[in-house]
């Protein structure tokens, strides 16, 4: 039993041409996509750099830790670079778009494997309020900017190469991978081998009847930990595979906590009671609002939270920001009533979910 780095030490000598990518490899690619490769990996699909060369350049940067998202990212990159399996992989088409005015947070990178396939990895939610706001927008918008950028990214890469494609991502990145695959044209979908959704949220009900989505469902592999919260949000047509994590509760979303044995995830038994409770709570709460009401509520909440130049979730609890939130709500009866009313509905939904669980 181990994690992604243990897997690299165990299987790192086997090339992709000798053994095709598996779900653990996919999680590694998706996790590596969280690292910021600006100035290192080419931004065009026509140029490549080996993962080993990219790692050498990035790890020599005195500010390398600022490029990471998870605590273990640099260790994972170093272990991947040292392995024959990942060290020879090519990297290109690095895109990183952040636009607060458009509520957009998007990043992706393509890996070229020795078996002749390409893996398009989409970054999940970063630690910005803009990224979180876009996630919540998914609950009422048919598409958000990051999804449309993921589709454009996939179509552009597909035109630049004739290789079979794998798509994947962790958290929001999993949603982007599924969306891009589903909305791509027929000939691109035919080239897609597998789509990996690693604890990523689903979609609005409209996507459930989309022909492209229904066509790609057999190729989707969705993995969620036993206490999944994010991966159970919204609608999924594809079945999910439950896996073990070393963490508890929300911390199971961390990909470094997912338990691995050999080249596979250790299967979980079932979703936890907490996961099922929160799933029912949020479904009941969101179902009780129209799309317009969801839009208005989340716009008001995030407009409030982003006062005083707050940009990251940790900024929310700073004393000066809390004071600003209180003053803003005191000065706006309409906003105060709207937020209070919907939060009351959320607690009521939780109460109903608890009663159903008894």
Foldseek 3Di string as FASTA:
>chain_A
DAALLVQCVVCLAAACLRPPDDPSNQLLQQQLQQFDQPPQAAQDLVDKDFLLRSLVVLVVDPCNVVRHQDPCNNVSSVSLCPGPHRVRKIKHNWDFDDDLVQLDGWTWIWIQGPNQEIEIHIHAQGQWLSSVLQLLLQLQDQDGPRLVVLLVSLVNNVVVDVTQYEYEHAEQRLQSQLSNLLPHDPVNVVSYQAREYELYDYGAPVLVPRPSSVVCQVRYAYEAEQQRARSLHHDDPHDYFYAHFQDDHPVSSDSRRFDDDHSDTHGDDHRDPNNQLNSQLVVQLSVVDHSVLSVVLSVLVSVLQCPPNGIGPVVSPDVVSVVSSVVVCVVDVVSVVSNVVSVVSSVVSSVVSVVVSD
